[in-house]
PDB file of N, CA and C in Angstrom:
ATOM      1  N   UNK A   1     112.053 107.889 184.858  1.00  0.00           N
ATOM      2  CA  UNK A   1     113.378 108.160 184.508  1.00  0.00           C
ATOM      3  C   UNK A   1     114.371 107.015 184.971  1.00  0.00           C
ATOM      4  N   UNK A   2     115.421 106.736 184.069  1.00  0.00           N
ATOM      5  CA  UNK A   2     116.254 105.475 184.414  1.00  0.00           C
ATOM      6  C   UNK A   2     117.302 106.021 185.378  1.00  0.00           C
ATOM      7  N   UNK A   3     117.669 105.199 186.338  1.00  0.00           N
ATOM      8  CA  UNK A   3     118.743 105.440 187.143  1.00  0.00           C
ATOM      9  C   UNK A   3     120.099 105.416 186.595  1.00  0.00           C
ATOM     10  N   UNK A   4     121.043 106.041 187.164  1.00  0.00           N
ATOM     11  CA  UNK A   4     122.401 106.076 186.615  1.00  0.00           C
ATOM     12  C   UNK A   4     122.975 104.485 186.510  1.00  0.00           C
ATOM     13  N   UNK A   5     122.644 103.779 187.616  1.00  0.00           N
ATOM     14  CA  UNK A   5     123.042 102.385 187.613  1.00  0.00           C
ATOM     15  C   UNK A   5     122.423 101.544 186.419  1.00  0.00           C
ATOM     16  N   UNK A   6     121.130 101.736 186.128  1.00  0.00           N
ATOM     17  CA  UNK A   6     120.477 101.156 184.999  1.00  0.00           C
ATOM     18  C   UNK A   6     121.091 101.421 183.727  1.00  0.00           C
ATOM     19  N   UNK A   7     121.436 102.754 183.559  1.00  0.00           N
ATOM     20  CA  UNK A   7     121.996 103.253 182.241  1.00  0.00           C
ATOM     21  C   UNK A   7     123.259 102.659 182.146  1.00  0.00           C
ATOM     22  N   UNK A   8     124.130 102.505 183.280  1.00  0.00           N
ATOM     23  CA  UNK A   8     125.429 101.954 183.062  1.00  0.00           C
ATOM     24  C   UNK A   8     125.252 100.432 182.629  1.00  0.00           C
ATOM     25  N   UNK A   9     124.300  99.723 183.267  1.00  0.00           N
ATOM     26  CA  UNK A   9     124.084  98.341 182.835  1.00  0.00           C
ATOM     27  C   UNK A   9     123.790  98.262 181.432  1.00  0.00           C
ATOM     28  N   UNK A  10     122.717  99.145 180.956  1.00  0.00           N
ATOM     29  CA  UNK A  10     122.412  99.165 179.518  1.00  0.00           C
ATOM     30  C   UNK A  10     123.643  99.298 178.551  1.00  0.00           C
ATOM     31  N   UNK A  11     124.602 100.387 178.903  1.00  0.00           N
ATOM     32  CA  UNK A  11     125.728 100.621 178.211  1.00  0.00           C
ATOM     33  C   UNK A  11     126.657  99.433 178.175  1.00  0.00           C
ATOM     34  N   UNK A  12     126.711  98.865 179.305  1.00  0.00           N
ATOM     35  CA  UNK A  12     127.648  97.618 179.373  1.00  0.00           C
ATOM     36  C   UNK A  12     127.176  96.530 178.480  1.00  0.00           C
ATOM     37  N   UNK A  13     125.933  96.317 178.332  1.00  0.00           N
ATOM     38  CA  UNK A  13     125.458  95.211 177.347  1.00  0.00           C
ATOM     39  C   UNK A  13     125.705  95.688 175.935  1.00  0.00           C
ATOM     40  N   UNK A  14     125.575  96.911 175.661  1.00  0.00           N
ATOM     41  CA  UNK A  14     125.984  97.305 174.363  1.00  0.00           C
ATOM     42  C   UNK A  14     127.489  97.058 174.095  1.00  0.00           C
ATOM     43  N   UNK A  15     128.262  97.353 175.024  1.00  0.00           N
ATOM     44  CA  UNK A  15     129.731  97.248 175.020  1.00  0.00           C
ATOM     45  C   UNK A  15     129.981  95.740 174.637  1.00  0.00           C
ATOM     46  N   UNK A  16     129.393  94.845 175.309  1.00  0.00           N
ATOM     47  CA  UNK A  16     129.587  93.393 175.055  1.00  0.00           C
ATOM     48  C   UNK A  16     129.144  93.057 173.601  1.00  0.00           C
ATOM     49  N   UNK A  17     128.167  93.698 173.056  1.00  0.00           N
ATOM     50  CA  UNK A  17     127.761  93.531 171.926  1.00  0.00           C
ATOM     51  C   UNK A  17     128.733  94.050 170.929  1.00  0.00           C
ATOM     52  N   UNK A  18     129.215  95.115 171.076  1.00  0.00           N
ATOM     53  CA  UNK A  18     130.154  95.744 170.113  1.00  0.00           C
ATOM     54  C   UNK A  18     131.487  94.943 170.109  1.00  0.00           C
ATOM     55  N   UNK A  19     131.961  94.445 171.117  1.00  0.00           N
ATOM     56  CA  UNK A  19     133.143  93.575 170.996  1.00  0.00           C
ATOM     57  C   UNK A  19     132.943  92.416 170.047  1.00  0.00           C
ATOM     58  N   UNK A  20     131.786  91.933 169.836  1.00  0.00           N
ATOM     59  CA  UNK A  20     131.573  90.960 168.749  1.00  0.00           C
ATOM     60  C   UNK A  20     131.482  91.532 167.374  1.00  0.00           C
ATOM     61  N   UNK A  21     130.859  92.774 167.304  1.00  0.00           N
ATOM     62  CA  UNK A  21     130.796  93.369 165.982  1.00  0.00           C
ATOM     63  C   UNK A  21     131.995  93.673 165.301  1.00  0.00           C
ATOM     64  N   UNK A  22     133.034  93.966 166.080  1.00  0.00           N
ATOM     65  CA  UNK A  22     134.245  94.496 165.544  1.00  0.00           C
ATOM     66  C   UNK A  22     135.422  93.557 165.162  1.00  0.00           C
ATOM     67  N   UNK A  23     135.061  92.344 165.163  1.00  0.00           N
ATOM     68  CA  UNK A  23     136.280  91.317 165.082  1.00  0.00           C
ATOM     69  C   UNK A  23     136.625  90.941 163.645  1.00  0.00           C
ATOM     70  N   UNK A  24     137.790  90.633 163.250  1.00  0.00           N
ATOM     71  CA  UNK A  24     138.261  90.105 161.955  1.00  0.00           C
ATOM     72  C   UNK A  24     139.040  91.078 161.269  1.00  0.00           C
ATOM     73  N   UNK A  25     139.799  90.722 160.206  1.00  0.00           N
ATOM     74  CA  UNK A  25     140.509  91.624 159.298  1.00  0.00           C
ATOM     75  C   UNK A  25     142.043  91.782 159.392  1.00  0.00           C
ATOM     76  N   UNK A  26     142.547  93.023 159.067  1.00  0.00           N
ATOM     77  CA  UNK A  26     144.024  93.278 158.932  1.00  0.00           C
ATOM     78  C   UNK A  26     144.399  94.310 159.998  1.00  0.00           C
ATOM     79  N   UNK A  27     145.712  94.532 160.254  1.00  0.00           N
ATOM     80  CA  UNK A  27     146.139  95.311 161.202  1.00  0.00           C
ATOM     81  C   UNK A  27     146.611  96.698 160.524  1.00  0.00           C
ATOM     82  N   UNK A  28     146.219  97.755 161.290  1.00  0.00           N
ATOM     83  CA  UNK A  28     146.665  99.080 160.949  1.00  0.00           C
ATOM     84  C   UNK A  28     146.325  99.985 162.088  1.00  0.00           C
ATOM     85  N   UNK A  29     146.557 101.409 162.025  1.00  0.00           N
ATOM     86  CA  UNK A  29     146.411 102.246 163.098  1.00  0.00           C
ATOM     87  C   UNK A  29     144.913 102.515 163.212  1.00  0.00           C
ATOM     88  N   UNK A  30     144.470 102.537 164.521  1.00  0.00           N
ATOM     89  CA  UNK A  30     143.046 102.645 164.831  1.00  0.00           C
ATOM     90  C   UNK A  30     142.614 104.030 164.467  1.00  0.00           C
ATOM     91  N   UNK A  31     141.355 104.013 163.990  1.00  0.00           N
ATOM     92  CA  UNK A  31     140.792 105.408 163.648  1.00  0.00           C
ATOM     93  C   UNK A  31     139.398 105.523 164.260  1.00  0.00           C
ATOM     94  N   UNK A  32     138.841 104.523 164.830  1.00  0.00           N
ATOM     95  CA  UNK A  32     137.537 104.722 165.513  1.00  0.00           C
ATOM     96  C   UNK A  32     137.648 105.050 166.844  1.00  0.00           C
ATOM     97  N   UNK A  33     136.699 106.055 167.340  1.00  0.00           N
ATOM     98  CA  UNK A  33     136.920 106.660 168.712  1.00  0.00           C
ATOM     99  C   UNK A  33     135.745 105.991 169.621  1.00  0.00           C
ATOM    100  N   UNK A  34     136.053 106.246 170.912  1.00  0.00           N
ATOM    101  CA  UNK A  34     134.961 105.859 171.787  1.00  0.00           C
ATOM    102  C   UNK A  34     133.637 106.511 171.672  1.00  0.00           C
ATOM    103  N   UNK A  35     133.751 107.773 171.272  1.00  0.00           N
ATOM    104  CA  UNK A  35     132.622 108.693 171.054  1.00  0.00           C
ATOM    105  C   UNK A  35     131.826 108.138 169.961  1.00  0.00           C
ATOM    106  N   UNK A  36     132.538 107.627 168.937  1.00  0.00           N
ATOM    107  CA  UNK A  36     131.814 106.994 167.730  1.00  0.00           C
ATOM    108  C   UNK A  36     130.991 105.802 167.993  1.00  0.00           C
ATOM    109  N   UNK A  37     131.763 104.959 168.988  1.00  0.00           N
ATOM    110  CA  UNK A  37     131.090 103.653 169.501  1.00  0.00           C
ATOM    111  C   UNK A  37     129.760 103.998 170.143  1.00  0.00           C
ATOM    112  N   UNK A  38     129.914 104.923 171.037  1.00  0.00           N
ATOM    113  CA  UNK A  38     128.750 105.262 172.038  1.00  0.00           C
ATOM    114  C   UNK A  38     127.641 105.875 171.156  1.00  0.00           C
ATOM    115  N   UNK A  39     128.071 106.676 170.197  1.00  0.00           N
ATOM    116  CA  UNK A  39     127.069 107.392 169.406  1.00  0.00           C
ATOM    117  C   UNK A  39     126.380 106.429 168.403  1.00  0.00           C
ATOM    118  N   UNK A  40     127.108 105.529 167.839  1.00  0.00           N
ATOM    119  CA  UNK A  40     126.519 104.502 166.978  1.00  0.00           C
ATOM    120  C   UNK A  40     125.669 103.448 167.582  1.00  0.00           C
ATOM    121  N   UNK A  41     126.018 103.067 168.966  1.00  0.00           N
ATOM    122  CA  UNK A  41     125.147 102.053 169.649  1.00  0.00           C
ATOM    123  C   UNK A  41     124.148 102.559 170.585  1.00  0.00           C
ATOM    124  N   UNK A  42     124.169 103.799 170.914  1.00  0.00           N
ATOM    125  CA  UNK A  42     123.266 104.268 171.914  1.00  0.00           C
ATOM    126  C   UNK A  42     121.776 103.928 171.639  1.00  0.00           C
ATOM    127  N   UNK A  43     121.345 103.871 170.535  1.00  0.00           N
ATOM    128  CA  UNK A  43     119.923 103.653 170.033  1.00  0.00           C
ATOM    129  C   UNK A  43     119.598 102.107 170.348  1.00  0.00           C
ATOM    130  N   UNK A  44     120.734 101.303 170.662  1.00  0.00           N
ATOM    131  CA  UNK A  44     120.409  99.891 170.873  1.00  0.00           C
ATOM    132  C   UNK A  44     120.176  99.537 172.252  1.00  0.00           C
ATOM    133  N   UNK A  45     120.305 100.462 173.113  1.00  0.00           N
ATOM    134  CA  UNK A  45     120.294 100.195 174.593  1.00  0.00           C
ATOM    135  C   UNK A  45     118.817  99.568 174.934  1.00  0.00           C
ATOM    136  N   UNK A  46     117.702 100.094 174.321  1.00  0.00           N
ATOM    137  CA  UNK A  46     116.463  99.517 174.659  1.00  0.00           C
ATOM    138  C   UNK A  46     116.205  98.240 174.216  1.00  0.00           C
ATOM    139  N   UNK A  47     116.757  97.877 173.022  1.00  0.00           N
ATOM    140  CA  UNK A  47     116.681  96.601 172.456  1.00  0.00           C
ATOM    141  C   UNK A  47     117.372  95.521 173.381  1.00  0.00           C
ATOM    142  N   UNK A  48     118.591  95.825 173.710  1.00  0.00           N
ATOM    143  CA  UNK A  48     119.413  95.039 174.403  1.00  0.00           C
ATOM    144  C   UNK A  48     118.889  94.719 175.881  1.00  0.00           C
ATOM    145  N   UNK A  49     118.161  95.756 176.499  1.00  0.00           N
ATOM    146  CA  UNK A  49     117.792  95.571 177.875  1.00  0.00           C
ATOM    147  C   UNK A  49     116.264  95.014 177.814  1.00  0.00           C
ATOM    148  N   UNK A  50     115.502  95.359 176.623  1.00  0.00           N
ATOM    149  CA  UNK A  50     114.026  94.918 176.655  1.00  0.00           C
ATOM    150  C   UNK A  50     113.755  93.810 175.587  1.00  0.00           C
ATOM    151  N   UNK A  51     114.658  93.523 174.610  1.00  0.00           N
ATOM    152  CA  UNK A  51     114.215  92.576 173.552  1.00  0.00           C
ATOM    153  C   UNK A  51     113.342  93.232 172.642  1.00  0.00           C
ATOM    154  N   UNK A  52     112.738  92.360 171.926  1.00  0.00           N
ATOM    155  CA  UNK A  52     111.887  92.853 170.854  1.00  0.00           C
ATOM    156  C   UNK A  52     112.416  92.964 169.469  1.00  0.00           C
ATOM    157  N   UNK A  53     112.218  94.023 168.721  1.00  0.00           N
ATOM    158  CA  UNK A  53     112.894  94.309 167.564  1.00  0.00           C
ATOM    159  C   UNK A  53     113.729  95.628 167.690  1.00  0.00           C
ATOM    160  N   UNK A  54     114.953  95.372 167.167  1.00  0.00           N
ATOM    161  CA  UNK A  54     115.899  96.653 167.307  1.00  0.00           C
ATOM    162  C   UNK A  54     115.294  97.679 166.408  1.00  0.00           C
ATOM    163  N   UNK A  55     115.442  98.936 166.704  1.00  0.00           N
ATOM    164  CA  UNK A  55     115.046 100.074 165.840  1.00  0.00           C
ATOM    165  C   UNK A  55     115.880 100.179 164.664  1.00  0.00           C
ATOM    166  N   UNK A  56     115.247 100.873 163.683  1.00  0.00           N
ATOM    167  CA  UNK A  56     116.085 101.152 162.485  1.00  0.00           C
ATOM    168  C   UNK A  56     117.287 102.014 162.806  1.00  0.00           C
ATOM    169  N   UNK A  57     117.254 102.889 163.643  1.00  0.00           N
ATOM    170  CA  UNK A  57     118.385 103.655 164.120  1.00  0.00           C
ATOM    171  C   UNK A  57     119.506 102.790 164.768  1.00  0.00           C
ATOM    172  N   UNK A  58     119.047 101.793 165.555  1.00  0.00           N
ATOM    173  CA  UNK A  58     119.915 100.871 166.246  1.00  0.00           C
ATOM    174  C   UNK A  58     120.624 100.189 165.201  1.00  0.00           C
ATOM    175  N   UNK A  59     120.009  99.525 164.303  1.00  0.00           N
ATOM    176  CA  UNK A  59     120.630  98.725 163.192  1.00  0.00           C
ATOM    177  C   UNK A  59     121.519  99.461 162.332  1.00  0.00           C
ATOM    178  N   UNK A  60     121.088 100.792 162.049  1.00  0.00           N
ATOM    179  CA  UNK A  60     121.999 101.647 161.204  1.00  0.00           C
ATOM    180  C   UNK A  60     123.214 101.933 162.011  1.00  0.00           C
ATOM    181  N   UNK A  61     123.136 101.980 163.203  1.00  0.00           N
ATOM    182  CA  UNK A  61     124.465 102.209 163.977  1.00  0.00           C
ATOM    183  C   UNK A  61     125.284 101.065 164.083  1.00  0.00           C
ATOM    184  N   UNK A  62     124.669  99.868 164.268  1.00  0.00           N
ATOM    185  CA  UNK A  62     125.452  98.549 164.202  1.00  0.00           C
ATOM    186  C   UNK A  62     126.168  98.368 162.793  1.00  0.00           C
ATOM    187  N   UNK A  63     125.438  98.636 161.820  1.00  0.00           N
ATOM    188  CA  UNK A  63     126.012  98.594 160.491  1.00  0.00           C
ATOM    189  C   UNK A  63     127.076  99.518 160.231  1.00  0.00           C
ATOM    190  N   UNK A  64     126.893 100.719 160.680  1.00  0.00           N
ATOM    191  CA  UNK A  64     127.874 101.777 160.511  1.00  0.00           C
ATOM    192  C   UNK A  64     129.187 101.480 161.345  1.00  0.00           C
ATOM    193  N   UNK A  65     128.933 101.030 162.526  1.00  0.00           N
ATOM    194  CA  UNK A  65     130.184 100.605 163.303  1.00  0.00           C
ATOM    195  C   UNK A  65     130.814  99.500 162.751  1.00  0.00           C
ATOM    196  N   UNK A  66     130.292  98.434 162.156  1.00  0.00           N
ATOM    197  CA  UNK A  66     130.848  97.213 161.527  1.00  0.00           C
ATOM    198  C   UNK A  66     131.688  97.879 160.283  1.00  0.00           C
ATOM    199  N   UNK A  67     131.120  98.857 159.508  1.00  0.00           N
ATOM    200  CA  UNK A  67     131.912  99.478 158.454  1.00  0.00           C
ATOM    201  C   UNK A  67     133.080 100.126 158.889  1.00  0.00           C
ATOM    202  N   UNK A  68     132.978 101.029 159.946  1.00  0.00           N
ATOM    203  CA  UNK A  68     134.073 101.771 160.473  1.00  0.00           C
ATOM    204  C   UNK A  68     135.201 101.003 160.987  1.00  0.00           C
ATOM    205  N   UNK A  69     134.820  99.930 161.591  1.00  0.00           N
ATOM    206  CA  UNK A  69     135.971  98.964 162.243  1.00  0.00           C
ATOM    207  C   UNK A  69     136.513  98.017 161.236  1.00  0.00           C
ATOM    208  N   UNK A  70     137.009  98.668 160.127  1.00  0.00           N
ATOM    209  CA  UNK A  70     137.543  97.808 159.101  1.00  0.00           C
ATOM    210  C   UNK A  70     138.984  97.209 159.189  1.00  0.00           C
ATOM    211  N   UNK A  71     139.707  97.544 160.257  1.00  0.00           N
ATOM    212  CA  UNK A  71     140.960  96.999 160.408  1.00  0.00           C
ATOM    213  C   UNK A  71     141.010  96.405 161.805  1.00  0.00           C
ATOM    214  N   UNK A  72     142.074  95.594 162.032  1.00  0.00           N
ATOM    215  CA  UNK A  72     142.258  94.864 163.415  1.00  0.00           C
ATOM    216  C   UNK A  72     142.489  95.829 164.362  1.00  0.00           C
ATOM    217  N   UNK A  73     143.278  96.925 164.140  1.00  0.00           N
ATOM    218  CA  UNK A  73     143.575  98.053 165.039  1.00  0.00           C
ATOM    219  C   UNK A  73     142.261  98.760 165.443  1.00  0.00           C
ATOM    220  N   UNK A  74     141.413  98.983 164.461  1.00  0.00           N
ATOM    221  CA  UNK A  74     140.183  99.615 164.823  1.00  0.00           C
ATOM    222  C   UNK A  74     139.195  98.799 165.654  1.00  0.00           C
ATOM    223  N   UNK A  75     139.124  97.446 165.374  1.00  0.00           N
ATOM    224  CA  UNK A  75     138.403  96.472 166.119  1.00  0.00           C
ATOM    225  C   UNK A  75     138.942  96.437 167.528  1.00  0.00           C
ATOM    226  N   UNK A  76     140.127  96.347 167.682  1.00  0.00           N
ATOM    227  CA  UNK A  76     140.739  96.287 168.966  1.00  0.00           C
ATOM    228  C   UNK A  76     140.389  97.632 169.797  1.00  0.00           C
ATOM    229  N   UNK A  77     140.529  98.673 169.043  1.00  0.00           N
ATOM    230  CA  UNK A  77     140.256  99.913 169.879  1.00  0.00           C
ATOM    231  C   UNK A  77     138.811 100.079 170.301  1.00  0.00           C
ATOM    232  N   UNK A  78     137.923  99.548 169.338  1.00  0.00           N
ATOM    233  CA  UNK A  78     136.463  99.682 169.861  1.00  0.00           C
ATOM    234  C   UNK A  78     136.331  98.740 171.014  1.00  0.00           C
ATOM    235  N   UNK A  79     136.894  97.491 170.896  1.00  0.00           N
ATOM    236  CA  UNK A  79     136.631  96.489 171.838  1.00  0.00           C
ATOM    237  C   UNK A  79     137.203  97.027 173.268  1.00  0.00           C
ATOM    238  N   UNK A  80     138.447  97.752 173.234  1.00  0.00           N
ATOM    239  CA  UNK A  80     138.994  98.244 174.458  1.00  0.00           C
ATOM    240  C   UNK A  80     138.225  99.249 174.947  1.00  0.00           C
ATOM    241  N   UNK A  81     137.557 100.085 174.114  1.00  0.00           N
ATOM    242  CA  UNK A  81     136.685 101.142 174.622  1.00  0.00           C
ATOM    243  C   UNK A  81     135.531 100.603 175.405  1.00  0.00           C
ATOM    244  N   UNK A  82     134.982  99.538 174.664  1.00  0.00           N
ATOM    245  CA  UNK A  82     133.825  99.006 175.331  1.00  0.00           C
ATOM    246  C   UNK A  82     134.071  98.187 176.562  1.00  0.00           C
ATOM    247  N   UNK A  83     135.239  97.625 176.593  1.00  0.00           N
ATOM    248  CA  UNK A  83     135.573  96.826 177.756  1.00  0.00           C
ATOM    249  C   UNK A  83     135.809  97.826 178.970  1.00  0.00           C
ATOM    250  N   UNK A  84     136.314  99.027 178.749  1.00  0.00           N
ATOM    251  CA  UNK A  84     136.555 100.021 179.720  1.00  0.00           C
ATOM    252  C   UNK A  84     135.097 100.442 180.162  1.00  0.00           C
ATOM    253  N   UNK A  85     134.226 100.624 179.375  1.00  0.00           N
ATOM    254  CA  UNK A  85     132.865 101.111 179.719  1.00  0.00           C
ATOM    255  C   UNK A  85     132.114 100.036 180.501  1.00  0.00           C
ATOM    256  N   UNK A  86     132.303  98.694 180.328  1.00  0.00           N
ATOM    257  CA  UNK A  86     131.479  97.742 180.839  1.00  0.00           C
ATOM    258  C   UNK A  86     131.987  97.376 182.203  1.00  0.00           C
ATOM    259  N   UNK A  87     133.302  97.778 182.624  1.00  0.00           N
ATOM    260  CA  UNK A  87     133.775  97.317 184.030  1.00  0.00           C
ATOM    261  C   UNK A  87     132.856  97.770 185.019  1.00  0.00           C
ATOM    262  N   UNK A  88     132.506  96.788 185.926  1.00  0.00           N
ATOM    263  CA  UNK A  88     131.758  97.267 187.082  1.00  0.00           C
ATOM    264  C   UNK A  88     130.208  97.237 186.675  1.00  0.00           C
ATOM    265  N   UNK A  89     129.816  96.843 185.475  1.00  0.00           N
ATOM    266  CA  UNK A  89     128.444  96.826 185.020  1.00  0.00           C
ATOM    267  C   UNK A  89     127.899  95.428 185.151  1.00  0.00           C
ATOM    268  N   UNK A  90     126.797  95.193 185.834  1.00  0.00           N
ATOM    269  CA  UNK A  90     126.124  93.867 185.849  1.00  0.00           C
ATOM    270  C   UNK A  90     125.035  93.624 184.676  1.00  0.00           C
ATOM    271  N   UNK A  91     125.057  92.506 184.299  1.00  0.00           N
ATOM    272  CA  UNK A  91     124.056  92.110 183.244  1.00  0.00           C
ATOM    273  C   UNK A  91     123.501  90.722 183.515  1.00  0.00           C
ATOM    274  N   UNK A  92     122.527  90.282 182.859  1.00  0.00           N
ATOM    275  CA  UNK A  92     121.948  89.009 182.954  1.00  0.00           C
ATOM    276  C   UNK A  92     121.941  88.245 181.814  1.00  0.00           C
ATOM    277  N   UNK A  93     121.440  86.980 181.807  1.00  0.00           N
ATOM    278  CA  UNK A  93     121.476  86.033 180.668  1.00  0.00           C
ATOM    279  C   UNK A  93     120.582  86.545 179.514  1.00  0.00           C
ATOM    280  N   UNK A  94     119.410  87.154 179.723  1.00  0.00           N
ATOM    281  CA  UNK A  94     118.619  87.678 178.790  1.00  0.00           C
ATOM    282  C   UNK A  94     119.188  88.905 178.041  1.00  0.00           C
ATOM    283  N   UNK A  95     119.736  89.791 178.812  1.00  0.00           N
ATOM    284  CA  UNK A  95     120.413  90.904 177.986  1.00  0.00           C
ATOM    285  C   UNK A  95     121.682  90.511 177.373  1.00  0.00           C
ATOM    286  N   UNK A  96     122.364  89.638 177.723  1.00  0.00           N
ATOM    287  CA  UNK A  96     123.490  89.045 177.023  1.00  0.00           C
ATOM    288  C   UNK A  96     123.069  88.379 175.815  1.00  0.00           C
ATOM    289  N   UNK A  97     121.885  87.708 175.863  1.00  0.00           N
ATOM    290  CA  UNK A  97     121.357  86.954 174.738  1.00  0.00           C
ATOM    291  C   UNK A  97     120.830  87.929 173.626  1.00  0.00           C
ATOM    292  N   UNK A  98     120.183  89.001 174.132  1.00  0.00           N
ATOM    293  CA  UNK A  98     119.640  90.047 173.115  1.00  0.00           C
ATOM    294  C   UNK A  98     120.837  90.724 172.531  1.00  0.00           C
ATOM    295  N   UNK A  99     122.045  91.089 173.277  1.00  0.00           N
ATOM    296  CA  UNK A  99     123.172  91.696 172.663  1.00  0.00           C
ATOM    297  C   UNK A  99     123.743  90.736 171.591  1.00  0.00           C
ATOM    298  N   UNK A 100     123.873  89.396 171.879  1.00  0.00           N
ATOM    299  CA  UNK A 100     124.452  88.430 170.976  1.00  0.00           C
ATOM    300  C   UNK A 100     123.616  88.262 169.718  1.00  0.00           C
ATOM    301  N   UNK A 101     122.186  88.490 169.844  1.00  0.00           N
ATOM    302  CA  UNK A 101     121.428  88.357 168.684  1.00  0.00           C
ATOM    303  C   UNK A 101     121.264  89.764 167.828  1.00  0.00           C
ATOM    304  N   UNK A 102     121.783  90.734 168.407  1.00  0.00           N
ATOM    305  CA  UNK A 102     121.616  92.035 167.727  1.00  0.00           C
ATOM    306  C   UNK A 102     122.264  92.053 166.321  1.00  0.00           C
ATOM    307  N   UNK A 103     123.475  91.632 166.070  1.00  0.00           N
ATOM    308  CA  UNK A 103     124.184  91.693 164.707  1.00  0.00           C
ATOM    309  C   UNK A 103     123.277  90.975 163.718  1.00  0.00           C
ATOM    310  N   UNK A 104     122.775  89.795 164.026  1.00  0.00           N
ATOM    311  CA  UNK A 104     121.988  89.121 163.052  1.00  0.00           C
ATOM    312  C   UNK A 104     120.670  89.758 162.727  1.00  0.00           C
ATOM    313  N   UNK A 105     120.118  90.451 163.846  1.00  0.00           N
ATOM    314  CA  UNK A 105     118.801  91.079 163.603  1.00  0.00           C
ATOM    315  C   UNK A 105     118.921  92.354 162.752  1.00  0.00           C
ATOM    316  N   UNK A 106     120.180  92.945 162.737  1.00  0.00           N
ATOM    317  CA  UNK A 106     120.527  94.037 161.889  1.00  0.00           C
ATOM    318  C   UNK A 106     121.170  93.723 160.617  1.00  0.00           C
ATOM    319  N   UNK A 107     121.274  92.393 160.317  1.00  0.00           N
ATOM    320  CA  UNK A 107     121.916  92.029 158.988  1.00  0.00           C
ATOM    321  C   UNK A 107     123.322  92.091 158.955  1.00  0.00           C
ATOM    322  N   UNK A 108     124.001  91.912 159.959  1.00  0.00           N
ATOM    323  CA  UNK A 108     125.489  91.888 160.208  1.00  0.00           C
ATOM    324  C   UNK A 108     125.836  90.467 160.553  1.00  0.00           C
ATOM    325  N   UNK A 109     126.676  89.860 159.680  1.00  0.00           N
ATOM    326  CA  UNK A 109     127.098  88.455 160.044  1.00  0.00           C
ATOM    327  C   UNK A 109     128.396  88.437 160.647  1.00  0.00           C
ATOM    328  N   UNK A 110     128.578  87.706 161.757  1.00  0.00           N
ATOM    329  CA  UNK A 110     129.645  87.577 162.538  1.00  0.00           C
ATOM    330  C   UNK A 110     130.147  86.056 162.706  1.00  0.00           C
ATOM    331  N   UNK A 111     131.413  85.899 162.410  1.00  0.00           N
ATOM    332  CA  UNK A 111     131.772  84.523 162.596  1.00  0.00           C
ATOM    333  C   UNK A 111     132.352  84.021 163.903  1.00  0.00           C
ATOM    334  N   UNK A 112     131.872  84.671 164.964  1.00  0.00           N
ATOM    335  CA  UNK A 112     132.073  84.295 166.316  1.00  0.00           C
ATOM    336  C   UNK A 112     131.039  84.599 167.302  1.00  0.00           C
ATOM    337  N   UNK A 113     131.160  84.242 168.514  1.00  0.00           N
ATOM    338  CA  UNK A 113     130.085  84.543 169.487  1.00  0.00           C
ATOM    339  C   UNK A 113     130.394  85.757 170.315  1.00  0.00           C
ATOM    340  N   UNK A 114     129.369  86.594 170.365  1.00  0.00           N
ATOM    341  CA  UNK A 114     129.499  87.743 171.284  1.00  0.00           C
ATOM    342  C   UNK A 114     129.525  87.280 172.763  1.00  0.00           C
ATOM    343  N   UNK A 115     130.534  87.765 173.451  1.00  0.00           N
ATOM    344  CA  UNK A 115     130.817  87.501 174.902  1.00  0.00           C
ATOM    345  C   UNK A 115     131.554  88.637 175.580  1.00  0.00           C
ATOM    346  N   UNK A 116     130.967  88.947 176.832  1.00  0.00           N
ATOM    347  CA  UNK A 116     131.858  90.177 177.432  1.00  0.00           C
ATOM    348  C   UNK A 116     133.154  89.733 178.049  1.00  0.00           C
ATOM    349  N   UNK A 117     133.470  88.448 177.879  1.00  0.00           N
ATOM    350  CA  UNK A 117     134.845  87.993 178.292  1.00  0.00           C
ATOM    351  C   UNK A 117     135.813  88.005 177.174  1.00  0.00           C
ATOM    352  N   UNK A 118     135.392  88.637 176.080  1.00  0.00           N
ATOM    353  CA  UNK A 118     136.310  88.622 174.910  1.00  0.00           C
ATOM    354  C   UNK A 118     137.632  89.325 175.091  1.00  0.00           C
ATOM    355  N   UNK A 119     138.690  88.730 174.715  1.00  0.00           N
ATOM    356  CA  UNK A 119     140.113  89.199 174.923  1.00  0.00           C
ATOM    357  C   UNK A 119     140.293  90.004 173.739  1.00  0.00           C
ATOM    358  N   UNK A 120     140.283  91.421 173.967  1.00  0.00           N
ATOM    359  CA  UNK A 120     140.410  92.440 172.862  1.00  0.00           C
ATOM    360  C   UNK A 120     141.800  92.131 172.037  1.00  0.00           C
ATOM    361  N   UNK A 121     142.787  91.814 172.644  1.00  0.00           N
ATOM    362  CA  UNK A 121     144.098  91.626 172.049  1.00  0.00           C
ATOM    363  C   UNK A 121     144.103  90.411 170.933  1.00  0.00           C
ATOM    364  N   UNK A 122     143.176  89.517 171.050  1.00  0.00           N
ATOM    365  CA  UNK A 122     143.245  88.544 170.182  1.00  0.00           C
ATOM    366  C   UNK A 122     142.231  88.787 168.720  1.00  0.00           C
ATOM    367  N   UNK A 123     141.693  89.985 168.883  1.00  0.00           N
ATOM    368  CA  UNK A 123     140.877  90.347 167.672  1.00  0.00           C
ATOM    369  C   UNK A 123     141.752  90.641 166.491  1.00  0.00           C
ATOM    370  N   UNK A 124     141.474  90.158 165.473  1.00  0.00           N
ATOM    371  CA  UNK A 124     142.214  90.445 164.091  1.00  0.00           C
ATOM    372  C   UNK A 124     141.304  90.940 163.010  1.00  0.00           C
TER     373      UNK A 124
END
């Protein structure tokens, strides 16, 4: 059974990933909730922490979240949600690399680098 700390680390990595998935677009009122973010990316934790090949469920979640975050406000809201979840979570270079590789492995093209230091206010 995974410890609470390990689960937090895993979610933090997923959070960093999502900040990358949600960038670009136009401004409007945010419609994406933190519950949706966690639900869509929960299946990706094992890939981010262990590498290999992401599951079909994980990729479906990445693709769904990418579609849901269709406006700048949505992307900023998702990023902010993830930013709050990742506070106090530690990660390493390998898990960050796995998170950064996830969009491409799931067929989602991003024009930027995934990084946990992303400034959510600059996402458009």
